[in-house]
Protein backbone atom coordinates (compact mmCIF):
# COMPACT_ATOMS: atom_id res chain seq x y z
CA MET A 1 -25.65 32.54 -16.08
CA ALA A 2 -25.09 30.83 -12.78
CA GLU A 3 -21.72 30.98 -11.11
CA LYS A 4 -19.95 27.59 -11.04
CA ARG A 5 -18.91 26.27 -7.57
CA LYS A 6 -15.33 25.59 -7.06
CA ASP A 7 -15.01 24.32 -3.26
CA LEU A 8 -12.62 21.52 -3.04
CA ILE A 9 -12.40 19.02 -0.53
CA LYS A 10 -10.03 19.79 2.17
CA ILE A 11 -8.25 17.32 4.65
CA SER A 12 -6.28 18.43 7.60
CA SER A 13 -2.58 17.42 7.93
CA GLY A 14 -2.17 18.76 11.33
CA GLU A 15 -1.74 22.61 11.39
CA ALA A 16 -1.33 22.75 7.62
CA GLU A 17 -4.46 22.07 5.26
CA GLN A 18 -4.04 20.97 1.92
CA PRO A 19 -7.03 21.35 -0.67
CA PHE A 20 -6.98 18.44 -3.28
CA ARG A 21 -9.26 16.55 -5.22
CA TRP A 22 -8.41 13.07 -5.86
CA SER A 23 -10.10 9.76 -6.42
CA ALA A 24 -8.71 6.18 -6.33
CA GLY A 25 -11.05 5.26 -9.12
CA ALA A 26 -13.18 1.87 -9.11
CA ASP A 27 -10.27 -0.42 -9.27
CA GLY A 28 -8.26 1.59 -6.29
CA SER A 29 -11.33 1.41 -4.22
CA LYS A 30 -11.99 -2.42 -4.65
CA PHE A 31 -8.51 -2.87 -3.50
CA LEU A 32 -8.65 -0.28 -0.54
CA THR A 33 -12.15 -1.75 0.61
CA GLU A 34 -10.83 -5.13 1.07
CA ILE A 35 -7.96 -4.13 3.20
CA ARG A 36 -10.30 -1.70 5.19
CA ASP A 37 -13.56 -4.32 5.72
CA HIS A 38 -11.44 -7.99 5.42
CA LYS A 39 -7.74 -7.18 6.31
CA ARG A 40 -6.88 -8.92 3.10
CA PHE A 41 -5.47 -8.41 -0.68
CA MET A 42 -6.81 -8.59 -3.80
CA GLY A 43 -5.16 -8.76 -7.02
CA ILE A 44 -6.60 -8.79 -10.54
CA LYS A 45 -5.33 -11.45 -13.14
CA CYS A 46 -4.46 -10.86 -16.88
CA PRO A 47 -6.61 -13.42 -19.07
CA LYS A 48 -3.96 -13.53 -21.71
CA CYS A 49 -0.57 -14.00 -19.83
CA GLY A 50 -1.71 -14.88 -16.29
CA LYS A 51 0.04 -12.27 -14.24
CA VAL A 52 -1.25 -10.95 -11.25
CA TYR A 53 -1.20 -7.35 -10.27
CA VAL A 54 -1.42 -5.92 -6.78
CA PRO A 55 -2.72 -3.28 -6.44
CA ILE A 56 -5.12 -3.69 -8.73
CA ARG A 57 -5.20 -1.64 -12.20
CA ARG A 58 -7.57 -2.33 -15.21
CA VAL A 59 -5.21 -2.92 -18.26
CA CYS A 60 -2.28 -5.49 -18.21
CA GLY A 61 0.98 -3.40 -19.38
CA PRO A 62 2.44 -6.25 -21.68
CA CYS A 63 -0.87 -7.50 -23.33
CA TYR A 64 -2.72 -4.68 -23.56
CA VAL A 65 -5.88 -6.34 -22.56
CA GLU A 66 -8.68 -5.33 -19.80
CA MET A 67 -8.42 -7.34 -16.38
CA GLU A 68 -11.75 -8.04 -14.57
CA GLU A 69 -10.80 -11.35 -12.67
CA LEU A 70 -10.13 -10.77 -8.94
CA VAL A 71 -8.34 -13.18 -7.17
CA PRO A 72 -6.82 -13.29 -3.65
CA VAL A 73 -3.01 -12.67 -2.73
CA SER A 74 -1.27 -13.42 0.13
CA ASP A 75 -0.50 -11.17 3.13
CA GLU A 76 3.03 -12.40 3.36
CA GLY A 77 5.76 -12.01 0.76
CA SER A 78 9.59 -10.71 0.45
CA ILE A 79 11.65 -7.62 0.37
CA VAL A 80 12.79 -7.01 -2.86
CA THR A 81 14.68 -3.72 -1.89
CA TYR A 82 14.69 -1.58 0.90
CA THR A 83 16.05 1.71 2.47
CA VAL A 84 16.42 2.72 6.23
CA VAL A 85 15.56 6.43 6.36
CA GLN A 86 17.46 8.56 8.64
CA PHE A 87 15.71 11.99 8.40
CA GLY A 88 12.62 12.95 9.88
CA PHE A 89 9.51 14.82 7.81
CA VAL A 90 6.23 15.62 8.42
CA ASP A 91 3.95 12.77 7.31
CA PRO A 92 1.05 14.51 5.26
CA SER A 93 -1.39 11.87 6.12
CA THR A 94 -0.98 12.53 9.56
CA GLY A 95 0.21 16.31 10.12
CA LYS A 96 2.91 14.55 12.84
CA GLN A 97 6.93 13.83 12.69
CA LYS A 98 7.94 10.66 11.39
CA PRO A 99 9.92 9.04 13.67
CA VAL A 100 13.50 7.88 12.73
CA PRO A 101 14.92 5.68 11.42
CA TYR A 102 12.31 3.79 9.54
CA CYS A 103 12.48 1.32 7.11
CA TYR A 104 10.48 1.57 3.57
CA ALA A 105 10.51 -1.33 1.53
CA VAL A 106 9.43 -2.81 -2.02
CA ILE A 107 7.68 -6.08 -1.36
CA HIS A 108 6.69 -8.70 -3.53
CA LEU A 109 3.45 -10.46 -2.18
CA ASP A 110 3.56 -14.18 -2.35
CA GLY A 111 0.66 -14.74 -5.49
CA SER A 112 1.54 -11.80 -7.42
CA ASP A 113 3.93 -10.47 -10.11
CA SER A 114 3.99 -7.08 -9.00
CA TYR A 115 5.02 -5.13 -6.23
CA ILE A 116 3.82 -2.70 -3.07
CA LEU A 117 5.67 -0.49 -1.36
CA HIS A 118 5.28 0.31 2.43
CA PHE A 119 6.83 0.44 6.04
CA VAL A 120 8.62 -2.43 7.40
CA ASP A 121 9.16 -2.72 11.40
CA GLU A 122 12.66 -3.10 11.59
CA THR A 123 15.79 -0.93 10.99
CA ASP A 124 18.56 -3.26 11.99
CA PRO A 125 20.66 -3.47 8.87
CA GLU A 126 21.63 -7.07 10.40
CA LYS A 127 18.13 -8.20 10.37
CA LEU A 128 16.88 -6.35 7.06
CA LYS A 129 18.06 -8.48 3.93
CA ILE A 130 16.85 -8.84 0.32
CA GLY A 131 14.39 -11.83 0.16
CA ALA A 132 13.80 -11.49 4.05
CA ARG A 133 10.13 -12.91 4.71
CA VAL A 134 7.65 -10.04 5.77
CA LYS A 135 3.82 -10.29 6.53
CA ALA A 136 1.25 -7.30 6.80
CA VAL A 137 0.18 -5.89 10.11
CA PHE A 138 -3.08 -4.29 9.85
CA GLU A 139 -4.49 -1.24 11.82
CA ASP A 140 -7.58 -2.23 14.29
CA ASP A 141 -10.76 -2.74 12.89
CA ASP A 142 -12.06 1.10 14.28
CA LYS A 143 -8.90 2.46 12.72
CA ARG A 144 -9.27 1.42 9.27
CA THR A 145 -10.38 4.21 6.97
CA GLY A 146 -9.77 2.98 3.16
CA SER A 147 -6.41 3.84 2.59
CA LEU A 148 -2.79 2.17 2.42
CA LEU A 149 -2.01 3.24 6.07
CA ASP A 150 -5.04 0.62 6.76
CA ILE A 151 -1.52 -1.45 6.46
CA LYS A 152 0.53 -0.34 9.61
CA HIS A 153 3.34 -2.01 8.38
CA PHE A 154 5.19 -5.23 7.35
CA ALA A 155 6.67 -7.20 9.79
CA LEU A 156 9.78 -9.35 9.66
CA LEU A 157 9.07 -13.24 9.89
CA ASP A 158 11.30 -15.32 12.04
CA GLN A 159 14.22 -16.44 9.75
CA THR A 160 15.33 -19.18 11.85
CA GLY A 161 12.88 -21.89 11.29
């Protein structure tokens, strides 16, 4: 009987290596490919209730129906909630110490009925507010790899206009 091969894909996190096996799946891959190749967000629309989900998922939670219709979603939205993190950690995707402070937020993109979590480039509590408008800032073309980190961060939009 032939020995079954059990090699795992390895990704480097700086000095530490973390063996793992993970796939974004067909739907997650569509979502990440659109960000990588076109710097845009795509959602998926439920044919029954009309809700649009970002990131893409296969089944509508409330309706339990399969979804197939991809729809464009804005790269602008509003902050639903946020936190300003005051302690550093080693970012597993880069292997580098995350500078502090930094802001992590739940963002409601215009045209979607769900939320995305990501970094915001502001940490001033006088400027950060629930409902503040933000816009995605994408990595340069040659740096995008097909991950959520292809979005550098969300930037606060001018609130005075």
